[in-house]
Protein backbone atom coordinates (compact mmCIF):
# COMPACT_ATOMS: atom_id res chain seq x y z
CA UNK A 1 2.12 67.59 -18.05
CA UNK A 2 -1.05 69.07 -16.49
CA UNK A 3 -2.53 72.46 -17.28
CA UNK A 4 -5.62 74.08 -15.77
CA UNK A 5 -6.94 77.09 -17.71
CA UNK A 6 -9.68 79.18 -16.06
CA UNK A 7 -11.43 76.11 -14.68
CA UNK A 8 -14.77 76.62 -12.94
CA UNK A 9 -17.00 74.04 -11.30
CA UNK A 10 -20.38 74.40 -9.57
CA UNK A 11 -22.49 72.14 -7.39
CA UNK A 12 -25.87 73.77 -7.82
CA UNK A 13 -25.45 77.37 -6.68
CA UNK A 14 -22.18 76.63 -4.90
CA UNK A 15 -19.00 77.33 -6.86
CA UNK A 16 -16.46 74.67 -5.89
CA UNK A 17 -13.67 75.80 -8.25
CA UNK A 18 -13.10 79.44 -9.15
CA UNK A 19 -10.92 80.35 -12.14
CA UNK A 20 -8.22 77.76 -11.42
CA UNK A 21 -5.05 78.30 -13.45
CA UNK A 22 -2.22 75.91 -12.58
CA UNK A 23 0.35 73.68 -14.22
CA UNK A 24 2.26 70.58 -13.16
CA UNK A 25 5.47 69.53 -14.90
CA UNK A 26 6.49 65.95 -15.56
CA UNK A 27 8.20 64.48 -12.50
CA UNK A 28 6.80 67.10 -10.13
CA UNK A 29 5.24 66.29 -6.77
CA UNK A 30 2.53 68.86 -6.06
CA UNK A 31 0.73 68.89 -2.74
CA UNK A 32 -2.69 70.56 -2.53
CA UNK A 33 -3.71 71.62 0.95
CA UNK A 34 -6.31 73.80 2.63
CA UNK A 35 -9.26 73.61 5.00
CA UNK A 36 -12.12 71.17 4.54
CA UNK A 37 -14.46 72.27 1.76
CA UNK A 38 -11.80 74.34 0.03
CA UNK A 39 -12.12 72.52 -3.31
CA UNK A 40 -9.00 70.32 -3.05
CA UNK A 41 -10.68 66.98 -3.70
CA UNK A 42 -12.95 68.46 -6.36
CA UNK A 43 -9.93 69.78 -8.22
CA UNK A 44 -8.07 66.48 -8.19
CA UNK A 45 -11.21 64.57 -9.22
CA UNK A 46 -11.53 66.71 -12.34
CA UNK A 47 -8.16 65.34 -13.47
CA UNK A 48 -9.58 61.90 -14.24
CA UNK A 49 -13.11 63.08 -15.03
CA UNK A 50 -14.71 61.83 -11.86
CA UNK A 51 -16.08 65.38 -11.76
CA UNK A 52 -17.05 67.37 -14.87
CA UNK A 53 -16.14 71.03 -15.18
CA UNK A 54 -18.47 73.78 -16.28
CA UNK A 55 -16.03 76.10 -18.00
CA UNK A 56 -12.34 76.35 -18.78
CA UNK A 57 -9.96 73.66 -19.98
CA UNK A 58 -7.82 70.92 -18.45
CA UNK A 59 -5.07 69.38 -20.58
CA UNK A 60 -2.89 66.39 -19.76
CA UNK A 61 0.04 65.86 -22.11
CA UNK A 62 -1.58 68.47 -24.36
CA UNK A 63 -4.89 66.60 -24.62
CA UNK A 64 -8.11 68.34 -23.61
CA UNK A 65 -9.45 65.73 -21.20
CA UNK A 66 -13.01 67.09 -21.19
CA UNK A 67 -13.27 67.20 -24.98
CA UNK A 68 -16.19 65.45 -26.64
CA UNK A 69 -15.29 62.07 -28.07
CA UNK A 70 -12.55 61.27 -25.55
CA UNK A 71 -12.45 57.56 -24.70
CA UNK A 72 -12.81 57.98 -20.94
CA UNK A 73 -11.91 54.40 -20.03
CA UNK A 74 -8.70 54.47 -22.06
CA UNK A 75 -7.84 57.88 -20.65
CA UNK A 76 -8.44 56.80 -17.04
CA UNK A 77 -6.33 53.68 -17.50
CA UNK A 78 -3.29 55.98 -17.80
CA UNK A 79 -3.92 57.77 -14.52
CA UNK A 80 -3.44 56.10 -11.14
CA UNK A 81 -5.93 57.26 -8.51
CA UNK A 82 -5.69 56.40 -4.82
CA UNK A 83 -8.78 57.24 -2.76
CA UNK A 84 -9.40 57.92 0.92
CA UNK A 85 -11.35 54.69 1.20
CA UNK A 86 -9.19 52.00 -0.34
CA UNK A 87 -11.86 50.69 -2.74
CA UNK A 88 -10.30 47.25 -3.07
CA UNK A 89 -12.49 44.45 -4.39
CA UNK A 90 -13.34 42.59 -1.15
CA UNK A 91 -13.81 39.20 -2.82
CA UNK A 92 -10.35 39.28 -4.44
CA UNK A 93 -6.95 38.70 -2.88
CA UNK A 94 -4.34 41.46 -2.85
CA UNK A 95 -2.66 39.75 -5.81
CA UNK A 96 -5.89 39.48 -7.80
CA UNK A 97 -6.76 43.12 -7.06
CA UNK A 98 -3.47 44.02 -8.72
CA UNK A 99 -3.81 41.74 -11.76
CA UNK A 100 -7.44 42.36 -12.75
CA UNK A 101 -7.01 45.63 -14.68
CA UNK A 102 -3.68 44.77 -16.37
CA UNK A 103 -5.20 41.54 -17.72
CA UNK A 104 -8.48 43.03 -18.91
CA UNK A 105 -7.39 46.54 -19.90
CA UNK A 106 -3.72 46.22 -20.82
CA UNK A 107 -4.03 42.73 -22.31
CA UNK A 108 -1.29 41.20 -20.17
CA UNK A 109 -1.15 37.44 -19.85
CA UNK A 110 -2.08 36.07 -16.43
CA UNK A 111 1.50 34.97 -15.86
CA UNK A 112 2.94 38.37 -16.77
CA UNK A 113 0.33 40.23 -14.71
CA UNK A 114 1.03 37.98 -11.73
CA UNK A 115 4.77 38.51 -11.98
CA UNK A 116 4.30 42.28 -12.18
CA UNK A 117 1.81 42.32 -9.31
CA UNK A 118 4.12 40.34 -7.03
CA UNK A 119 6.92 42.77 -7.82
CA UNK A 120 4.69 45.75 -7.01
CA UNK A 121 3.42 44.18 -3.79
CA UNK A 122 7.05 43.62 -2.83
CA UNK A 123 7.74 47.27 -3.65
CA UNK A 124 5.10 48.37 -1.14
CA UNK A 125 6.29 45.79 1.42
CA UNK A 126 3.40 43.36 1.07
CA UNK A 127 4.63 40.44 -1.04
CA UNK A 128 3.93 38.20 1.95
CA UNK A 129 0.26 39.28 1.90
CA UNK A 130 -0.34 38.49 -1.79
CA UNK A 131 -2.98 35.85 -1.03
CA UNK A 132 -4.74 37.79 1.72
CA UNK A 133 -8.18 39.32 1.22
CA UNK A 134 -8.80 42.97 2.17
CA UNK A 135 -10.62 41.98 5.36
CA UNK A 136 -7.42 40.26 6.50
CA UNK A 137 -5.36 43.43 6.05
CA UNK A 138 -4.98 46.52 8.20
CA UNK A 139 -6.04 49.88 6.81
CA UNK A 140 -2.46 50.81 6.06
CA UNK A 141 -1.88 47.52 4.27
CA UNK A 142 -5.07 47.96 2.23
CA UNK A 143 -3.97 51.42 1.15
CA UNK A 144 -0.55 50.09 0.12
CA UNK A 145 -2.27 47.40 -1.95
CA UNK A 146 -4.38 50.16 -3.52
CA UNK A 147 -1.18 51.99 -4.49
CA UNK A 148 0.28 48.80 -5.97
CA UNK A 149 -2.96 48.23 -7.89
CA UNK A 150 -2.77 51.74 -9.36
CA UNK A 151 0.88 51.24 -10.31
CA UNK A 152 0.03 47.99 -12.09
CA UNK A 153 -1.38 50.03 -14.98
CA UNK A 154 2.02 51.74 -15.36
CA UNK A 155 0.50 55.23 -15.24
CA UNK A 156 2.64 58.29 -16.00
CA UNK A 157 0.61 60.23 -13.40
CA UNK A 158 -0.55 59.32 -9.89
CA UNK A 159 -3.32 61.17 -8.03
CA UNK A 160 -3.82 60.80 -4.28
CA UNK A 161 -6.99 62.11 -2.62
CA UNK A 162 -6.26 62.30 1.13
CA UNK A 163 -4.78 58.79 1.09
CA UNK A 164 -4.09 58.70 4.84
CA UNK A 165 -7.22 60.38 6.22
CA UNK A 166 -9.06 57.10 6.87
CA UNK A 167 -6.09 55.50 8.63
CA UNK A 168 -5.28 55.14 12.30
CA UNK A 169 -2.32 57.40 13.19
CA UNK A 170 0.14 54.53 13.54
CA UNK A 171 -0.61 53.39 9.99
CA UNK A 172 -0.07 56.75 8.30
CA UNK A 173 3.71 56.45 8.20
CA UNK A 174 3.79 53.20 6.27
CA UNK A 175 1.69 54.69 3.46
CA UNK A 176 3.68 57.94 3.35
CA UNK A 177 6.91 55.92 3.13
CA UNK A 178 5.65 54.26 -0.06
CA UNK A 179 4.60 57.62 -1.49
CA UNK A 180 8.00 59.14 -0.70
CA UNK A 181 9.68 56.26 -2.55
CA UNK A 182 7.49 56.93 -5.60
CA UNK A 183 8.48 60.58 -5.51
CA UNK A 184 12.18 59.65 -5.36
CA UNK A 185 11.67 57.44 -8.42
CA UNK A 186 10.41 60.45 -10.41
CA UNK A 187 6.68 59.72 -10.52
CA UNK A 188 4.51 62.74 -11.35
CA UNK A 189 2.16 63.08 -8.39
CA UNK A 190 -0.65 65.38 -7.31
CA UNK A 191 -1.45 64.79 -3.64
CA UNK A 192 -4.35 66.20 -1.65
CA UNK A 193 -3.35 65.78 1.96
CA UNK A 194 -3.39 67.22 5.47
CA UNK A 195 0.04 65.68 6.12
CA UNK A 196 2.12 68.84 6.27
CA UNK A 197 5.30 66.92 7.10
CA UNK A 198 4.98 65.09 3.77
CA UNK A 199 4.39 68.39 1.99
CA UNK A 200 7.46 69.93 3.60
CA UNK A 201 9.74 66.97 2.92
CA UNK A 202 8.62 65.69 -0.48
CA UNK A 203 6.70 68.31 -2.46
CA UNK A 204 8.25 70.35 -5.23
CA UNK A 205 5.39 72.83 -4.90
CA UNK A 206 2.54 73.42 -2.50
CA UNK A 207 -0.84 74.82 -3.55
CA UNK A 208 -3.07 76.30 -0.85
CA UNK A 209 -6.80 76.46 -1.59
CA UNK A 210 -9.77 78.03 0.11
CA UNK A 211 -13.32 78.65 -1.15
CA UNK A 212 -12.50 77.09 -4.52
CA UNK A 213 -9.52 79.35 -5.24
CA UNK A 214 -5.78 78.71 -5.25
CA UNK A 215 -4.68 81.51 -2.93
CA UNK A 216 -1.02 80.62 -2.57
CA UNK A 217 1.54 78.57 -4.45
CA UNK A 218 5.21 78.09 -3.85
CA UNK A 219 8.04 75.81 -2.91
CA UNK A 220 7.64 74.21 0.53
CA UNK A 221 10.23 76.40 2.28
CA UNK A 222 8.46 79.51 0.96
CA UNK A 223 5.00 78.30 1.87
CA UNK A 224 5.81 77.13 5.37
CA UNK A 225 8.26 79.86 6.35
CA UNK A 226 6.89 82.95 4.62
CA UNK A 227 3.29 82.52 3.40
CA UNK A 228 2.01 85.66 1.71
CA UNK A 229 -1.77 85.33 1.72
CA UNK A 230 -3.47 86.10 5.07
CA UNK A 231 -5.67 83.01 4.77
CA UNK A 232 -2.60 80.79 4.29
CA UNK A 233 -0.94 82.46 7.26
CA UNK A 234 -4.00 81.75 9.41
CA UNK A 235 -4.22 78.13 8.20
CA UNK A 236 -0.59 77.43 9.11
CA UNK A 237 -0.97 79.21 12.44
CA UNK A 238 -4.00 77.08 13.28
CA UNK A 239 -2.37 73.75 12.46
CA UNK A 240 0.76 74.66 14.39
CA UNK A 241 -1.28 75.65 17.47
CA UNK A 242 -4.33 73.36 17.42
CA UNK A 243 -5.18 74.03 21.06
CA UNK A 244 -4.49 77.75 21.03
CA UNK A 245 -8.19 78.67 21.21
CA UNK A 246 -9.22 75.97 23.70
């Protein structure tokens, strides 16, 4: 479903992505992990053209997504993206946040969009908060509304860029529970996260990045139990023993 071919990306003199070659099959859950500044978020943001690339090719369903002439708005409407900061419209209720795009971009009637939105809010456990504004919701609730909003466009692909990093620890679980349910339902997902428990339990494959390169890839049991690259070994050692050097 997704194919990276020799993708390179610079920010000035800094190379953020270095010859990335990866593929994601339909229905796969791929977790991208690594230290801060490793290129994880940059890589996922190239998948919906929030970041341009400087060389190489990215194809989704066989379509070169950085080709000239691509209708970016139509393309993006088929990809769900959940950000670190929930990015809900503050002046709209949870329900209205979930109906806006389907009405204006998919052409749904207000009644149909409302029915769908209520179903999706129920799916993420927030039907009872349909008429609440973002300021009346906890961080975990806002992120679950953001997931419902993304699902309202019926995307075949969902991207998550550190979706729990802005949450208080007690709210992380409620968001991960929704994501696990999506994975069980067969949604194709690329997830940038520091939540190694999620990666171990849910991912089909784990990609480890550092300095713009994918240094290790494998199934979770391989990655966590027998990492091959020294940098991956060090990363896992550090997160397992966070106070070892204190």
